[in-house]
């Protein structure tokens, strides 16, 4: 069992793996390697020929180009049964490049993107977004379990990486929306904690669009009844007017109003406001795969 990358997250991964496997490690920072040797009982990778019988190679590296270079170096010496696990944050096309690099040597690559921070990885509360062939994933189930018991198989190679990128995009976009909401609420004299309590309610603004409108209405294609898009557009106008009155700059909330205007112009005004997803469908980019399949493991 080998791990490349002993940064903050990589070392946390090493801590998990060392509990279950005899671990070999590599990092350009020799101090980190020594630390892993002293505290985890790991061995340094002094020669890549030592990896010939490795069960799996885990990559936790800062850039896709570094992962690719590692694969170029180690793939020729690995046993074809070895699986390379890419846990770095990358895009699906980066995974595909790695897959293409490893394939001539009979090596499979699985993406196991880490959906957590360093503390969650250390405490065993991280989640892995996994992509790859079922056979390869099954062969390294023990490694994935050592990293985290919480895993979701999202599909073929690159699907796990894509899921993490999308999840992070949502988190980062919502952070901007929350900042704007907080600025409006504060300027309007709303108590911060009570605003947090309101938005945290599972039936309110942060959760409802996902758990009801997307998970139920959009997945089922059911846009009859409910709060109309015209009504949602009116609420959006009220928010813009409030921000203007209070002198609060808006970016994310302002831009989303344009989508409601476009959807209204497309004739969706009387349907539930979840129907705005039909704009993307009209652009040839459907927002669901219509499977409704639960792939949690």
C-alpha atoms as a PDB file:
ATOM      1  CA  UNK A   1       0.000   0.000   0.000  1.00  0.00           C
ATOM      2  CA  UNK A   2       1.530   3.312  -1.053  1.00  0.00           C
ATOM      3  CA  UNK A   3       0.617   6.976  -0.769  1.00  0.00           C
ATOM      4  CA  UNK A   4       1.998   9.879  -2.756  1.00  0.00           C
ATOM      5  CA  UNK A   5       1.461  13.273  -1.136  1.00  0.00           C
ATOM      6  CA  UNK A   6       1.836  14.173   2.531  1.00  0.00           C
ATOM      7  CA  UNK A   7       0.369  17.647   2.635  1.00  0.00           C
ATOM      8  CA  UNK A   8      -2.286  18.496   5.209  1.00  0.00           C
ATOM      9  CA  UNK A   9      -4.935  16.253   3.647  1.00  0.00           C
ATOM     10  CA  UNK A  10      -2.451  13.661   2.463  1.00  0.00           C
ATOM     11  CA  UNK A  11      -1.070  13.172   5.954  1.00  0.00           C
ATOM     12  CA  UNK A  12      -4.604  12.769   7.311  1.00  0.00           C
ATOM     13  CA  UNK A  13      -5.197  10.093   4.662  1.00  0.00           C
ATOM     14  CA  UNK A  14      -1.922   8.446   5.685  1.00  0.00           C
ATOM     15  CA  UNK A  15      -3.110   8.308   9.286  1.00  0.00           C
ATOM     16  CA  UNK A  16      -6.195   6.372   8.209  1.00  0.00           C
ATOM     17  CA  UNK A  17      -4.340   4.016   5.870  1.00  0.00           C
ATOM     18  CA  UNK A  18      -1.580   3.261   8.369  1.00  0.00           C
ATOM     19  CA  UNK A  19      -4.158   1.807  10.745  1.00  0.00           C
ATOM     20  CA  UNK A  20      -4.994  -0.912   8.232  1.00  0.00           C
ATOM     21  CA  UNK A  21      -1.938  -1.417   6.027  1.00  0.00           C
ATOM     22  CA  UNK A  22       1.831  -1.476   5.973  1.00  0.00           C
ATOM     23  CA  UNK A  23       2.233   1.899   4.314  1.00  0.00           C
ATOM     24  CA  UNK A  24       4.904   3.269   1.989  1.00  0.00           C
ATOM     25  CA  UNK A  25       4.941   7.033   1.421  1.00  0.00           C
ATOM     26  CA  UNK A  26       6.524   9.675  -0.765  1.00  0.00           C
ATOM     27  CA  UNK A  27       6.584  13.454  -0.629  1.00  0.00           C
ATOM     28  CA  UNK A  28       9.142  15.982  -1.895  1.00  0.00           C
ATOM     29  CA  UNK A  29       9.207  17.392   1.634  1.00  0.00           C
ATOM     30  CA  UNK A  30      11.511  14.949   3.392  1.00  0.00           C
ATOM     31  CA  UNK A  31      10.424  16.261   6.789  1.00  0.00           C
ATOM     32  CA  UNK A  32       6.891  15.023   6.109  1.00  0.00           C
ATOM     33  CA  UNK A  33       8.198  11.619   5.112  1.00  0.00           C
ATOM     34  CA  UNK A  34      10.225  11.395   8.320  1.00  0.00           C
ATOM     35  CA  UNK A  35       7.175  12.486  10.287  1.00  0.00           C
ATOM     36  CA  UNK A  36       5.110   9.694   8.723  1.00  0.00           C
ATOM     37  CA  UNK A  37       7.861   7.194   9.456  1.00  0.00           C
ATOM     38  CA  UNK A  38       8.151   8.282  13.082  1.00  0.00           C
ATOM     39  CA  UNK A  39       4.471   8.711  13.947  1.00  0.00           C
ATOM     40  CA  UNK A  40       2.786   6.183  11.654  1.00  0.00           C
ATOM     41  CA  UNK A  41       5.413   3.515  11.171  1.00  0.00           C
ATOM     42  CA  UNK A  42       5.417   4.182   7.425  1.00  0.00           C
ATOM     43  CA  UNK A  43       8.324   3.377   5.123  1.00  0.00           C
ATOM     44  CA  UNK A  44       9.790   5.808   2.611  1.00  0.00           C
ATOM     45  CA  UNK A  45       9.586   4.894  -1.076  1.00  0.00           C
ATOM     46  CA  UNK A  46      13.262   4.910  -1.996  1.00  0.00           C
ATOM     47  CA  UNK A  47      12.876   3.070  -5.296  1.00  0.00           C
ATOM     48  CA  UNK A  48       9.689   2.729  -7.350  1.00  0.00           C
ATOM     49  CA  UNK A  49      10.532  -0.916  -7.979  1.00  0.00           C
ATOM     50  CA  UNK A  50       9.388  -1.432  -4.379  1.00  0.00           C
ATOM     51  CA  UNK A  51       5.832  -0.802  -5.613  1.00  0.00           C
ATOM     52  CA  UNK A  52       5.758  -3.837  -7.890  1.00  0.00           C
ATOM     53  CA  UNK A  53       3.514  -5.787  -5.529  1.00  0.00           C
ATOM     54  CA  UNK A  54       1.538  -2.833  -4.168  1.00  0.00           C
ATOM     55  CA  UNK A  55      -2.170  -3.480  -3.711  1.00  0.00           C
ATOM     56  CA  UNK A  56      -3.044   0.148  -4.439  1.00  0.00           C
ATOM     57  CA  UNK A  57      -1.386   3.531  -4.924  1.00  0.00           C
ATOM     58  CA  UNK A  58      -3.211   6.532  -3.453  1.00  0.00           C
ATOM     59  CA  UNK A  59      -2.494   9.978  -4.890  1.00  0.00           C
ATOM     60  CA  UNK A  60      -3.252  13.070  -2.805  1.00  0.00           C
ATOM     61  CA  UNK A  61      -1.423  15.791  -4.676  1.00  0.00           C
ATOM     62  CA  UNK A  62      -1.828  19.537  -5.300  1.00  0.00           C
ATOM     63  CA  UNK A  63      -2.001  19.552  -9.120  1.00  0.00           C
ATOM     64  CA  UNK A  64      -3.208  17.143 -11.843  1.00  0.00           C
ATOM     65  CA  UNK A  65       0.116  17.466 -13.654  1.00  0.00           C
ATOM     66  CA  UNK A  66       1.898  16.019 -10.616  1.00  0.00           C
ATOM     67  CA  UNK A  67      -0.510  13.074 -10.452  1.00  0.00           C
ATOM     68  CA  UNK A  68       0.073  12.392 -14.135  1.00  0.00           C
ATOM     69  CA  UNK A  69       3.843  12.478 -13.684  1.00  0.00           C
ATOM     70  CA  UNK A  70       3.624  10.008 -10.790  1.00  0.00           C
ATOM     71  CA  UNK A  71       1.536   7.656 -12.930  1.00  0.00           C
ATOM     72  CA  UNK A  72       4.040   7.945 -15.775  1.00  0.00           C
ATOM     73  CA  UNK A  73       6.787   6.896 -13.394  1.00  0.00           C
ATOM     74  CA  UNK A  74       5.093   4.087 -11.478  1.00  0.00           C
ATOM     75  CA  UNK A  75       2.714   2.462 -13.989  1.00  0.00           C
ATOM     76  CA  UNK A  76       5.451   0.579 -15.885  1.00  0.00           C
ATOM     77  CA  UNK A  77       6.588  -1.230 -12.729  1.00  0.00           C
ATOM     78  CA  UNK A  78       3.208  -2.028 -11.183  1.00  0.00           C
ATOM     79  CA  UNK A  79       1.450  -5.366 -11.184  1.00  0.00           C
ATOM     80  CA  UNK A  80      -1.639  -5.139 -13.460  1.00  0.00           C
ATOM     81  CA  UNK A  81      -3.843  -5.934 -10.457  1.00  0.00           C
ATOM     82  CA  UNK A  82      -2.749  -2.708  -8.762  1.00  0.00           C
ATOM     83  CA  UNK A  83      -5.299   0.116  -8.736  1.00  0.00           C
ATOM     84  CA  UNK A  84      -4.317   3.776  -8.653  1.00  0.00           C
ATOM     85  CA  UNK A  85      -6.650   5.873  -6.502  1.00  0.00           C
ATOM     86  CA  UNK A  86      -6.762   9.574  -7.359  1.00  0.00           C
ATOM     87  CA  UNK A  87      -8.070  11.421  -4.310  1.00  0.00           C
ATOM     88  CA  UNK A  88      -6.874  14.873  -5.371  1.00  0.00           C
ATOM     89  CA  UNK A  89      -9.390  17.549  -6.351  1.00  0.00           C
ATOM     90  CA  UNK A  90      -9.389  17.480 -10.155  1.00  0.00           C
ATOM     91  CA  UNK A  91     -11.766  17.672 -13.103  1.00  0.00           C
ATOM     92  CA  UNK A  92     -13.078  14.591 -14.968  1.00  0.00           C
ATOM     93  CA  UNK A  93     -10.835  15.292 -17.949  1.00  0.00           C
ATOM     94  CA  UNK A  94      -7.822  15.105 -15.631  1.00  0.00           C
ATOM     95  CA  UNK A  95      -8.984  11.668 -14.498  1.00  0.00           C
ATOM     96  CA  UNK A  96      -9.358  10.581 -18.114  1.00  0.00           C
ATOM     97  CA  UNK A  97      -5.789  11.630 -18.899  1.00  0.00           C
ATOM     98  CA  UNK A  98      -4.621   9.516 -15.955  1.00  0.00           C
ATOM     99  CA  UNK A  99      -6.749   6.589 -17.134  1.00  0.00           C
ATOM    100  CA  UNK A 100      -5.258   6.849 -20.623  1.00  0.00           C
ATOM    101  CA  UNK A 101      -1.737   6.990 -19.203  1.00  0.00           C
ATOM    102  CA  UNK A 102      -2.226   3.887 -17.041  1.00  0.00           C
ATOM    103  CA  UNK A 103      -4.273   1.762 -19.464  1.00  0.00           C
ATOM    104  CA  UNK A 104      -1.379   0.493 -21.656  1.00  0.00           C
ATOM    105  CA  UNK A 105       0.111  -1.110 -18.546  1.00  0.00           C
ATOM    106  CA  UNK A 106      -3.154  -2.803 -17.555  1.00  0.00           C
ATOM    107  CA  UNK A 107      -3.545  -0.476 -14.567  1.00  0.00           C
ATOM    108  CA  UNK A 108      -6.964   0.919 -13.634  1.00  0.00           C
ATOM    109  CA  UNK A 109      -7.544   4.322 -12.071  1.00  0.00           C
ATOM    110  CA  UNK A 110     -10.340   5.053  -9.596  1.00  0.00           C
ATOM    111  CA  UNK A 111     -11.219   8.574  -8.539  1.00  0.00           C
ATOM    112  CA  UNK A 112     -12.062   8.863  -4.845  1.00  0.00           C
ATOM    113  CA  UNK A 113     -12.477  12.561  -4.236  1.00  0.00           C
ATOM    114  CA  UNK A 114     -12.535  13.590  -0.592  1.00  0.00           C
ATOM    115  CA  UNK A 115     -15.642  15.518   0.447  1.00  0.00           C
ATOM    116  CA  UNK A 116     -14.389  16.854   3.756  1.00  0.00           C
ATOM    117  CA  UNK A 117     -11.761  18.921   5.444  1.00  0.00           C
ATOM    118  CA  UNK A 118      -8.675  17.627   7.206  1.00  0.00           C
ATOM    119  CA  UNK A 119     -10.377  17.336  10.642  1.00  0.00           C
ATOM    120  CA  UNK A 120     -13.181  15.212   9.164  1.00  0.00           C
ATOM    121  CA  UNK A 121     -10.692  12.924   7.438  1.00  0.00           C
ATOM    122  CA  UNK A 122      -8.769  12.457  10.676  1.00  0.00           C
ATOM    123  CA  UNK A 123     -11.936  11.682  12.624  1.00  0.00           C
ATOM    124  CA  UNK A 124     -13.199   9.211  10.021  1.00  0.00           C
ATOM    125  CA  UNK A 125     -16.152  11.400   9.055  1.00  0.00           C
ATOM    126  CA  UNK A 126     -15.054  12.194   5.502  1.00  0.00           C
ATOM    127  CA  UNK A 127     -17.069  11.105   2.487  1.00  0.00           C
ATOM    128  CA  UNK A 128     -15.539   9.733  -0.702  1.00  0.00           C
ATOM    129  CA  UNK A 129     -17.047  10.516  -4.099  1.00  0.00           C
ATOM    130  CA  UNK A 130     -16.009   7.475  -6.122  1.00  0.00           C
ATOM    131  CA  UNK A 131     -15.832   6.894  -9.857  1.00  0.00           C
ATOM    132  CA  UNK A 132     -14.471   3.986 -11.889  1.00  0.00           C
ATOM    133  CA  UNK A 133     -15.275   0.467 -13.007  1.00  0.00           C
ATOM    134  CA  UNK A 134     -17.123  -1.705 -10.516  1.00  0.00           C
ATOM    135  CA  UNK A 135     -14.389  -4.323 -10.735  1.00  0.00           C
ATOM    136  CA  UNK A 136     -11.614  -1.888  -9.852  1.00  0.00           C
ATOM    137  CA  UNK A 137     -13.617  -0.316  -7.042  1.00  0.00           C
ATOM    138  CA  UNK A 138     -14.440  -3.730  -5.602  1.00  0.00           C
ATOM    139  CA  UNK A 139     -10.752  -4.697  -5.628  1.00  0.00           C
ATOM    140  CA  UNK A 140      -9.820  -1.697  -3.492  1.00  0.00           C
ATOM    141  CA  UNK A 141     -12.847  -1.733  -1.226  1.00  0.00           C
ATOM    142  CA  UNK A 142     -10.601  -2.397   1.761  1.00  0.00           C
ATOM    143  CA  UNK A 143      -8.529   0.690   0.947  1.00  0.00           C
ATOM    144  CA  UNK A 144     -11.567   2.904   0.494  1.00  0.00           C
ATOM    145  CA  UNK A 145     -13.038   1.598   3.745  1.00  0.00           C
ATOM    146  CA  UNK A 146      -9.780   2.405   5.518  1.00  0.00           C
ATOM    147  CA  UNK A 147      -9.954   5.956   4.183  1.00  0.00           C
ATOM    148  CA  UNK A 148     -13.636   6.409   5.019  1.00  0.00           C
ATOM    149  CA  UNK A 149     -16.672   4.233   5.631  1.00  0.00           C
ATOM    150  CA  UNK A 150     -18.827   6.861   3.912  1.00  0.00           C
ATOM    151  CA  UNK A 151     -18.719   6.426   0.152  1.00  0.00           C
ATOM    152  CA  UNK A 152     -20.931   7.063  -2.841  1.00  0.00           C
ATOM    153  CA  UNK A 153     -20.282   5.437  -6.209  1.00  0.00           C
ATOM    154  CA  UNK A 154     -21.248   8.069  -8.744  1.00  0.00           C
ATOM    155  CA  UNK A 155     -20.462   6.186 -11.941  1.00  0.00           C
ATOM    156  CA  UNK A 156     -17.563   5.572 -14.329  1.00  0.00           C
ATOM    157  CA  UNK A 157     -14.123   7.164 -14.196  1.00  0.00           C
ATOM    158  CA  UNK A 158     -14.349  10.888 -13.542  1.00  0.00           C
ATOM    159  CA  UNK A 159     -17.840  10.795 -12.045  1.00  0.00           C
ATOM    160  CA  UNK A 160     -16.572  11.055  -8.479  1.00  0.00           C
ATOM    161  CA  UNK A 161     -14.302  13.956  -9.368  1.00  0.00           C
ATOM    162  CA  UNK A 162     -17.172  15.710 -11.147  1.00  0.00           C
ATOM    163  CA  UNK A 163     -19.462  15.226  -8.151  1.00  0.00           C
ATOM    164  CA  UNK A 164     -16.932  16.884  -5.861  1.00  0.00           C
ATOM    165  CA  UNK A 165     -16.379  19.821  -8.213  1.00  0.00           C
ATOM    166  CA  UNK A 166     -20.147  20.347  -8.489  1.00  0.00           C
ATOM    167  CA  UNK A 167     -20.598  20.042  -4.719  1.00  0.00           C
ATOM    168  CA  UNK A 168     -17.849  22.586  -4.112  1.00  0.00           C
ATOM    169  CA  UNK A 169     -19.309  24.918  -6.733  1.00  0.00           C
ATOM    170  CA  UNK A 170     -22.650  24.851  -4.925  1.00  0.00           C
ATOM    171  CA  UNK A 171     -20.985  25.519  -1.575  1.00  0.00           C
ATOM    172  CA  UNK A 172     -18.963  28.429  -2.909  1.00  0.00           C
ATOM    173  CA  UNK A 173     -21.915  29.957  -4.771  1.00  0.00           C
ATOM    174  CA  UNK A 174     -24.167  29.598  -1.733  1.00  0.00           C
ATOM    175  CA  UNK A 175     -21.506  31.338   0.362  1.00  0.00           C
ATOM    176  CA  UNK A 176     -21.903  34.424  -1.841  1.00  0.00           C
ATOM    177  CA  UNK A 177     -25.703  34.225  -1.584  1.00  0.00           C
ATOM    178  CA  UNK A 178     -25.458  33.876   2.203  1.00  0.00           C
ATOM    179  CA  UNK A 179     -23.133  36.888   2.378  1.00  0.00           C
ATOM    180  CA  UNK A 180     -25.620  38.949   0.383  1.00  0.00           C
ATOM    181  CA  UNK A 181     -28.531  37.703   2.483  1.00  0.00           C
ATOM    182  CA  UNK A 182     -26.649  38.522   5.679  1.00  0.00           C
ATOM    183  CA  UNK A 183     -25.853  42.022   4.451  1.00  0.00           C
ATOM    184  CA  UNK A 184     -29.494  42.672   3.533  1.00  0.00           C
ATOM    185  CA  UNK A 185     -30.803  41.228   6.786  1.00  0.00           C
ATOM    186  CA  UNK A 186     -28.340  43.203   8.905  1.00  0.00           C
ATOM    187  CA  UNK A 187     -29.049  46.438   7.062  1.00  0.00           C
ATOM    188  CA  UNK A 188     -32.770  45.839   7.582  1.00  0.00           C
ATOM    189  CA  UNK A 189     -32.317  45.297  11.326  1.00  0.00           C
ATOM    190  CA  UNK A 190     -32.897  41.539  11.330  1.00  0.00           C
ATOM    191  CA  UNK A 191     -31.252  39.613  14.183  1.00  0.00           C
ATOM    192  CA  UNK A 192     -28.393  37.523  12.800  1.00  0.00           C
ATOM    193  CA  UNK A 193     -29.018  34.393  14.864  1.00  0.00           C
ATOM    194  CA  UNK A 194     -32.715  34.406  14.063  1.00  0.00           C
ATOM    195  CA  UNK A 195     -31.888  34.760  10.373  1.00  0.00           C
ATOM    196  CA  UNK A 196     -29.527  31.786  10.650  1.00  0.00           C
ATOM    197  CA  UNK A 197     -32.250  29.786  12.388  1.00  0.00           C
ATOM    198  CA  UNK A 198     -34.713  30.664   9.637  1.00  0.00           C
ATOM    199  CA  UNK A 199     -32.405  29.683   6.793  1.00  0.00           C
ATOM    200  CA  UNK A 200     -31.358  26.504   8.623  1.00  0.00           C
ATOM    201  CA  UNK A 201     -34.952  25.273   8.799  1.00  0.00           C
ATOM    202  CA  UNK A 202     -35.363  22.285   6.479  1.00  0.00           C
ATOM    203  CA  UNK A 203     -38.521  23.824   5.009  1.00  0.00           C
ATOM    204  CA  UNK A 204     -36.993  27.225   4.272  1.00  0.00           C
ATOM    205  CA  UNK A 205     -34.803  28.929   1.694  1.00  0.00           C
ATOM    206  CA  UNK A 206     -31.561  26.964   1.723  1.00  0.00           C
ATOM    207  CA  UNK A 207     -32.916  23.409   1.805  1.00  0.00           C
ATOM    208  CA  UNK A 208     -36.275  23.529   0.024  1.00  0.00           C
ATOM    209  CA  UNK A 209     -35.011  24.167  -3.527  1.00  0.00           C
ATOM    210  CA  UNK A 210     -32.924  20.987  -3.329  1.00  0.00           C
ATOM    211  CA  UNK A 211     -34.949  18.613  -1.170  1.00  0.00           C
ATOM    212  CA  UNK A 212     -38.349  19.439  -2.636  1.00  0.00           C
ATOM    213  CA  UNK A 213     -38.162  21.315  -5.914  1.00  0.00           C
ATOM    214  CA  UNK A 214     -35.187  19.517  -7.417  1.00  0.00           C
ATOM    215  CA  UNK A 215     -35.460  16.111  -5.709  1.00  0.00           C
ATOM    216  CA  UNK A 216     -39.218  15.807  -6.238  1.00  0.00           C
ATOM    217  CA  UNK A 217     -40.608  18.185  -8.828  1.00  0.00           C
ATOM    218  CA  UNK A 218     -37.676  18.350 -11.238  1.00  0.00           C
ATOM    219  CA  UNK A 219     -36.824  14.645 -11.037  1.00  0.00           C
ATOM    220  CA  UNK A 220     -40.476  13.784 -11.729  1.00  0.00           C
ATOM    221  CA  UNK A 221     -40.982  16.566 -14.278  1.00  0.00           C
ATOM    222  CA  UNK A 222     -43.961  17.791 -12.246  1.00  0.00           C
ATOM    223  CA  UNK A 223     -44.461  21.545 -12.581  1.00  0.00           C
ATOM    224  CA  UNK A 224     -48.213  21.783 -12.074  1.00  0.00           C
ATOM    225  CA  UNK A 225     -49.492  23.787  -9.114  1.00  0.00           C
ATOM    226  CA  UNK A 226     -47.112  24.987  -6.440  1.00  0.00           C
ATOM    227  CA  UNK A 227     -45.629  28.466  -6.255  1.00  0.00           C
ATOM    228  CA  UNK A 228     -45.678  29.904  -9.744  1.00  0.00           C
ATOM    229  CA  UNK A 229     -42.607  31.209 -11.477  1.00  0.00           C
ATOM    230  CA  UNK A 230     -44.331  34.579 -11.827  1.00  0.00           C
ATOM    231  CA  UNK A 231     -44.733  34.721  -8.040  1.00  0.00           C
ATOM    232  CA  UNK A 232     -41.088  33.773  -7.504  1.00  0.00           C
ATOM    233  CA  UNK A 233     -40.041  36.443 -10.001  1.00  0.00           C
ATOM    234  CA  UNK A 234     -42.057  39.000  -8.040  1.00  0.00           C
ATOM    235  CA  UNK A 235     -40.281  37.942  -4.830  1.00  0.00           C
ATOM    236  CA  UNK A 236     -36.962  38.296  -6.607  1.00  0.00           C
ATOM    237  CA  UNK A 237     -37.905  41.830  -7.634  1.00  0.00           C
ATOM    238  CA  UNK A 238     -38.751  42.631  -4.012  1.00  0.00           C
ATOM    239  CA  UNK A 239     -35.320  41.400  -2.917  1.00  0.00           C
ATOM    240  CA  UNK A 240     -33.592  43.555  -5.526  1.00  0.00           C
ATOM    241  CA  UNK A 241     -35.639  46.568  -4.469  1.00  0.00           C
ATOM    242  CA  UNK A 242     -34.823  45.972  -0.796  1.00  0.00           C
ATOM    243  CA  UNK A 243     -31.119  45.736  -1.552  1.00  0.00           C
ATOM    244  CA  UNK A 244     -31.253  48.927  -3.590  1.00  0.00           C
ATOM    245  CA  UNK A 245     -33.087  50.756  -0.813  1.00  0.00           C
ATOM    246  CA  UNK A 246     -30.562  49.557   1.762  1.00  0.00           C
ATOM    247  CA  UNK A 247     -27.563  50.186  -0.467  1.00  0.00           C
ATOM    248  CA  UNK A 248     -26.453  46.548  -0.358  1.00  0.00           C
ATOM    249  CA  UNK A 249     -24.390  45.356  -3.363  1.00  0.00           C
ATOM    250  CA  UNK A 250     -25.710  42.150  -4.919  1.00  0.00           C
ATOM    251  CA  UNK A 251     -23.965  39.810  -7.328  1.00  0.00           C
ATOM    252  CA  UNK A 252     -25.346  36.268  -7.108  1.00  0.00           C
ATOM    253  CA  UNK A 253     -28.930  37.217  -6.221  1.00  0.00           C
ATOM    254  CA  UNK A 254     -28.912  39.887  -8.926  1.00  0.00           C
ATOM    255  CA  UNK A 255     -27.726  37.445 -11.579  1.00  0.00           C
ATOM    256  CA  UNK A 256     -30.301  34.781 -10.682  1.00  0.00           C
ATOM    257  CA  UNK A 257     -33.114  37.258 -11.316  1.00  0.00           C
ATOM    258  CA  UNK A 258     -32.161  37.202 -15.000  1.00  0.00           C
ATOM    259  CA  UNK A 259     -32.984  33.487 -15.114  1.00  0.00           C
ATOM    260  CA  UNK A 260     -36.496  34.151 -13.806  1.00  0.00           C
ATOM    261  CA  UNK A 261     -36.965  36.844 -16.441  1.00  0.00           C
ATOM    262  CA  UNK A 262     -35.835  34.464 -19.182  1.00  0.00           C
ATOM    263  CA  UNK A 263     -38.088  31.684 -17.895  1.00  0.00           C
ATOM    264  CA  UNK A 264     -41.068  34.044 -17.820  1.00  0.00           C
ATOM    265  CA  UNK A 265     -40.329  35.108 -21.394  1.00  0.00           C
ATOM    266  CA  UNK A 266     -40.200  31.407 -22.321  1.00  0.00           C
ATOM    267  CA  UNK A 267     -43.821  31.034 -21.187  1.00  0.00           C
ATOM    268  CA  UNK A 268     -43.181  29.256 -17.889  1.00  0.00           C
ATOM    269  CA  UNK A 269     -44.742  31.904 -15.659  1.00  0.00           C
ATOM    270  CA  UNK A 270     -47.790  29.901 -14.551  1.00  0.00           C
ATOM    271  CA  UNK A 271     -45.865  26.719 -13.761  1.00  0.00           C
ATOM    272  CA  UNK A 272     -44.121  25.957 -10.481  1.00  0.00           C
ATOM    273  CA  UNK A 273     -40.906  27.935 -10.377  1.00  0.00           C
ATOM    274  CA  UNK A 274     -38.867  24.734 -10.496  1.00  0.00           C
ATOM    275  CA  UNK A 275     -39.830  24.747 -14.176  1.00  0.00           C
ATOM    276  CA  UNK A 276     -37.004  27.181 -14.854  1.00  0.00           C
ATOM    277  CA  UNK A 277     -34.786  24.101 -15.292  1.00  0.00           C
ATOM    278  CA  UNK A 278     -36.498  23.670 -18.660  1.00  0.00           C
ATOM    279  CA  UNK A 279     -34.305  26.489 -19.933  1.00  0.00           C
ATOM    280  CA  UNK A 280     -31.289  24.185 -19.603  1.00  0.00           C
ATOM    281  CA  UNK A 281     -33.209  21.345 -21.189  1.00  0.00           C
ATOM    282  CA  UNK A 282     -33.957  23.640 -24.106  1.00  0.00           C
ATOM    283  CA  UNK A 283     -30.241  24.323 -24.405  1.00  0.00           C
ATOM    284  CA  UNK A 284     -29.605  20.587 -24.670  1.00  0.00           C
ATOM    285  CA  UNK A 285     -28.266  20.271 -21.108  1.00  0.00           C
ATOM    286  CA  UNK A 286     -30.834  18.362 -19.006  1.00  0.00           C
ATOM    287  CA  UNK A 287     -30.493  18.802 -15.252  1.00  0.00           C
ATOM    288  CA  UNK A 288     -31.208  15.155 -14.316  1.00  0.00           C
ATOM    289  CA  UNK A 289     -30.361  11.766 -15.789  1.00  0.00           C
ATOM    290  CA  UNK A 290     -33.910  10.574 -15.043  1.00  0.00           C
ATOM    291  CA  UNK A 291     -32.539   7.484 -13.303  1.00  0.00           C
ATOM    292  CA  UNK A 292     -33.623   8.190  -9.740  1.00  0.00           C
ATOM    293  CA  UNK A 293     -31.139   5.474  -8.716  1.00  0.00           C
ATOM    294  CA  UNK A 294     -29.685   5.428  -5.222  1.00  0.00           C
ATOM    295  CA  UNK A 295     -26.002   4.470  -5.591  1.00  0.00           C
ATOM    296  CA  UNK A 296     -24.879   5.007  -2.001  1.00  0.00           C
ATOM    297  CA  UNK A 297     -22.712   2.219  -0.619  1.00  0.00           C
END
